[in-house]
Amino acid sequence: MPRLSPLRSPLARPGAQPRRGRILRVGRREEGQSLVEFALILTPLLFLLLGIVQFGFIFQAYVTMSAAVREASRDATVYVYDTTLTRAQNDTARNNIAKSTLLAAFNGLTKTTPNFVNGSSWTTTTGTGTVTSTNGDMIVTYALPSTVTDSDPRTSWRITVTASYHMDIIVPVIGNLLPKDANGRFVIPAAATMVIN
């Protein structure tokens, strides 16, 4: 009995060529299926990636606003009381310093997005032991603790600086999930309280 070579099949004919057309057709079908699967997976992945980017922008704005209101309230606490001005005039000057510090600490955030009234006009309301001054999206509140004696320079009063940043949402799907203001922007509030020296 003749020995067969391990490389040759007993069914193979000498000089026979493999059927290439069938192999190519199966390969094309697999490429088409992969393309469809890739297209189906790509859309949710892009939304997920854009969502991560959007929340990164929101977190960056939140951290920036938190630092900005802390700096604004700190500058307001070290304001030197001017004896030639009235108490209300000193409050307005202190508020303007806080507003300037807040805007300077915005870093990469746009300064036109917060709604601050042009100029140094403040709407002030007075309650029992509290004075609240409002300028657009910025609120400065003075509160007199019950254990502190009142004085014109407001020494030992607590000052709270509150500001809101209105951020545009770039991903529509995420914009539908988040609360928005009347202009369709996401509002990021921040507040800091310190004691006046």
Protein backbone atom coordinates (compact mmCIF):
# COMPACT_ATOMS: atom_id res chain seq x y z
CA MET A 1 0.00 0.00 0.00
CA PRO A 2 1.46 3.36 -0.99
CA ARG A 3 2.21 5.88 1.77
CA LEU A 4 0.34 9.20 1.60
CA SER A 5 2.04 12.46 2.28
CA PRO A 6 0.69 14.17 5.44
CA LEU A 7 0.29 17.37 3.43
CA ARG A 8 -1.93 15.83 0.76
CA SER A 9 -5.52 14.89 1.34
CA PRO A 10 -6.67 11.62 -0.25
CA LEU A 11 -9.61 13.59 -1.73
CA ALA A 12 -7.50 16.29 -3.32
CA ARG A 13 -6.91 16.03 -7.01
CA PRO A 14 -3.59 17.02 -8.41
CA GLY A 15 -3.72 20.54 -9.86
CA ALA A 16 -7.16 21.38 -8.32
CA GLN A 17 -7.64 25.01 -7.20
CA PRO A 18 -9.65 26.01 -4.07
CA ARG A 19 -12.94 27.78 -4.60
CA ARG A 20 -12.10 31.42 -3.94
CA GLY A 21 -15.51 32.92 -4.80
CA ARG A 22 -17.21 31.22 -1.89
CA ILE A 23 -14.58 32.35 0.59
CA LEU A 24 -14.81 35.96 -0.63
CA ARG A 25 -18.60 36.02 -0.39
CA VAL A 26 -18.55 34.78 3.21
CA GLY A 27 -15.88 37.37 4.08
CA ARG A 28 -17.94 40.21 2.61
CA ARG A 29 -21.00 39.14 4.58
CA GLU A 30 -18.98 39.19 7.80
CA GLU A 31 -17.58 42.66 6.99
CA GLY A 32 -21.11 43.98 6.38
CA GLN A 33 -22.35 42.51 9.63
CA SER A 34 -19.43 44.08 11.53
CA LEU A 35 -20.17 47.45 9.96
CA VAL A 36 -23.83 47.31 11.04
CA GLU A 37 -22.87 46.27 14.58
CA PHE A 38 -20.31 49.08 14.76
CA ALA A 39 -22.89 51.63 13.61
CA LEU A 40 -25.38 50.41 16.24
CA ILE A 41 -22.82 50.63 19.04
CA LEU A 42 -21.20 53.91 17.94
CA THR A 43 -24.23 56.16 18.54
CA PRO A 44 -24.74 55.25 22.24
CA LEU A 45 -21.00 55.40 22.80
CA LEU A 46 -20.82 58.91 21.34
CA PHE A 47 -23.71 60.06 23.56
CA LEU A 48 -21.98 58.53 26.56
CA LEU A 49 -18.71 60.26 25.69
CA LEU A 50 -20.43 63.62 25.13
CA GLY A 51 -22.29 63.16 28.44
CA ILE A 52 -19.00 62.62 30.27
CA VAL A 53 -17.58 65.75 28.64
CA GLN A 54 -20.71 67.78 29.55
CA PHE A 55 -20.62 66.68 33.20
CA GLY A 56 -16.92 67.55 33.24
CA PHE A 57 -17.80 71.10 32.15
CA ILE A 58 -20.52 71.28 34.82
CA PHE A 59 -18.15 70.05 37.54
CA GLN A 60 -15.46 72.51 36.44
CA ALA A 61 -17.99 75.39 36.59
CA TYR A 62 -19.18 74.24 40.04
CA VAL A 63 -15.63 74.13 41.43
CA THR A 64 -14.83 77.54 39.91
CA MET A 65 -18.01 79.11 41.30
CA SER A 66 -17.39 77.64 44.77
CA ALA A 67 -13.88 79.09 44.83
CA ALA A 68 -15.09 82.44 43.44
CA VAL A 69 -17.76 82.97 46.11
CA ARG A 70 -15.26 82.01 48.83
CA GLU A 71 -12.81 84.61 47.57
CA ALA A 72 -15.57 87.21 47.24
CA SER A 73 -16.81 86.65 50.80
CA ARG A 74 -13.24 86.70 52.14
CA ASP A 75 -12.54 90.05 50.46
CA ALA A 76 -15.83 91.38 51.83
CA THR A 77 -14.88 90.36 55.38
CA VAL A 78 -11.59 92.27 55.31
CA TYR A 79 -13.14 95.44 53.90
CA VAL A 80 -11.91 98.47 55.87
CA TYR A 81 -14.86 100.51 57.09
CA ASP A 82 -14.76 104.11 55.85
CA THR A 83 -15.89 106.46 58.62
CA THR A 84 -16.62 109.27 56.14
CA LEU A 85 -19.41 107.17 54.54
CA THR A 86 -22.72 106.00 55.95
CA ARG A 87 -23.35 102.40 56.88
CA ALA A 88 -25.40 101.84 53.72
CA GLN A 89 -22.67 103.38 51.55
CA ASN A 90 -20.08 101.12 53.18
CA ASP A 91 -22.31 98.11 52.52
CA THR A 92 -22.55 99.09 48.84
CA ALA A 93 -18.77 99.51 48.65
CA ARG A 94 -18.25 96.14 50.33
CA ASN A 95 -20.74 94.51 47.95
CA ASN A 96 -18.98 96.01 44.92
CA ILE A 97 -15.63 94.67 46.13
CA ALA A 98 -17.22 91.22 46.51
CA LYS A 99 -18.68 91.45 43.00
CA SER A 100 -15.36 92.50 41.46
CA THR A 101 -13.54 89.67 43.23
CA LEU A 102 -16.17 87.17 42.12
CA LEU A 103 -15.86 88.18 38.47
CA ALA A 104 -12.06 88.18 38.65
CA ALA A 105 -12.09 84.61 40.03
CA PHE A 106 -14.17 83.22 37.15
CA ASN A 107 -11.01 82.12 35.31
CA GLY A 108 -12.17 80.29 32.18
CA LEU A 109 -15.90 80.83 32.71
CA THR A 110 -17.58 83.48 30.57
CA LYS A 111 -18.35 86.63 32.51
CA THR A 112 -21.40 87.49 30.40
CA THR A 113 -23.38 84.40 31.43
CA PRO A 114 -24.15 85.49 35.01
CA ASN A 115 -26.81 88.16 35.07
CA PHE A 116 -25.32 91.08 37.00
CA VAL A 117 -27.02 94.44 36.77
CA ASN A 118 -24.81 96.98 35.04
CA GLY A 119 -23.09 99.36 37.39
CA SER A 120 -23.07 99.19 41.16
CA SER A 121 -26.80 99.37 41.86
CA TRP A 122 -27.99 96.97 44.55
CA THR A 123 -31.54 96.21 45.68
CA THR A 124 -31.49 96.08 49.47
CA THR A 125 -34.08 94.62 51.82
CA THR A 126 -33.81 94.81 55.59
CA GLY A 127 -35.26 92.35 58.06
CA THR A 128 -34.79 91.67 61.77
CA GLY A 129 -31.05 91.17 62.11
CA THR A 130 -30.52 90.69 58.35
CA VAL A 131 -29.72 92.88 55.38
CA THR A 132 -29.93 91.39 51.89
CA SER A 133 -28.44 93.11 48.83
CA THR A 134 -29.19 91.74 45.36
CA ASN A 135 -27.51 92.49 42.05
CA GLY A 136 -28.83 90.11 39.40
CA ASP A 137 -27.47 86.63 40.11
CA MET A 138 -25.44 87.76 43.10
CA ILE A 139 -26.87 88.07 46.60
CA VAL A 140 -24.98 89.40 49.62
CA THR A 141 -26.64 88.73 52.96
CA TYR A 142 -25.56 90.22 56.29
CA ALA A 143 -26.81 88.41 59.39
CA LEU A 144 -26.36 89.58 63.00
CA PRO A 145 -25.90 86.61 65.39
CA SER A 146 -27.85 86.86 68.64
CA THR A 147 -24.62 86.81 70.67
CA VAL A 148 -23.05 89.79 68.85
CA THR A 149 -23.52 93.48 69.66
CA ASP A 150 -24.44 95.54 66.61
CA SER A 151 -21.96 98.12 65.34
CA ASP A 152 -21.69 100.36 62.27
CA PRO A 153 -18.70 98.50 60.77
CA ARG A 154 -20.74 95.25 61.15
CA THR A 155 -17.93 93.61 63.10
CA SER A 156 -18.68 89.91 63.80
CA TRP A 157 -21.71 89.91 61.49
CA ARG A 158 -21.93 86.93 59.16
CA ILE A 159 -21.76 87.69 55.46
CA THR A 160 -23.02 85.19 52.90
CA VAL A 161 -22.18 85.64 49.24
CA THR A 162 -24.40 83.67 46.88
CA ALA A 163 -23.99 83.61 43.11
CA SER A 164 -25.47 81.56 40.27
CA TYR A 165 -23.83 80.62 36.99
CA HIS A 166 -25.99 79.79 33.97
CA MET A 167 -24.34 77.15 31.78
CA ASP A 168 -25.28 76.11 28.25
CA ILE A 169 -25.85 72.38 27.81
CA ILE A 170 -24.22 71.09 24.62
CA VAL A 171 -25.70 67.56 24.67
CA PRO A 172 -29.47 67.67 23.96
CA VAL A 173 -30.26 64.35 25.67
CA ILE A 174 -28.59 65.49 28.89
CA GLY A 175 -30.30 68.87 28.60
CA ASN A 176 -33.66 67.10 28.78
CA LEU A 177 -32.67 65.41 32.04
CA LEU A 178 -31.41 68.50 33.89
CA PRO A 179 -33.46 71.39 35.30
CA LYS A 180 -33.08 74.60 33.29
CA ASP A 181 -33.84 78.28 33.65
CA ALA A 182 -36.11 80.25 31.30
CA ASN A 183 -33.30 80.53 28.72
CA GLY A 184 -32.63 76.78 28.65
CA ARG A 185 -29.44 76.95 30.73
CA PHE A 186 -28.44 74.81 33.69
CA VAL A 187 -28.09 76.92 36.87
CA ILE A 188 -25.08 76.24 39.11
CA PRO A 189 -25.48 77.98 42.51
CA ALA A 190 -22.67 78.54 44.98
CA ALA A 191 -22.55 80.19 48.41
CA ALA A 192 -19.99 80.93 51.11
CA THR A 193 -20.43 82.37 54.61
CA MET A 194 -17.72 84.14 56.63
CA VAL A 195 -17.48 86.47 59.61
CA ILE A 196 -16.73 90.16 59.09
CA ASN A 197 -13.54 91.31 60.85
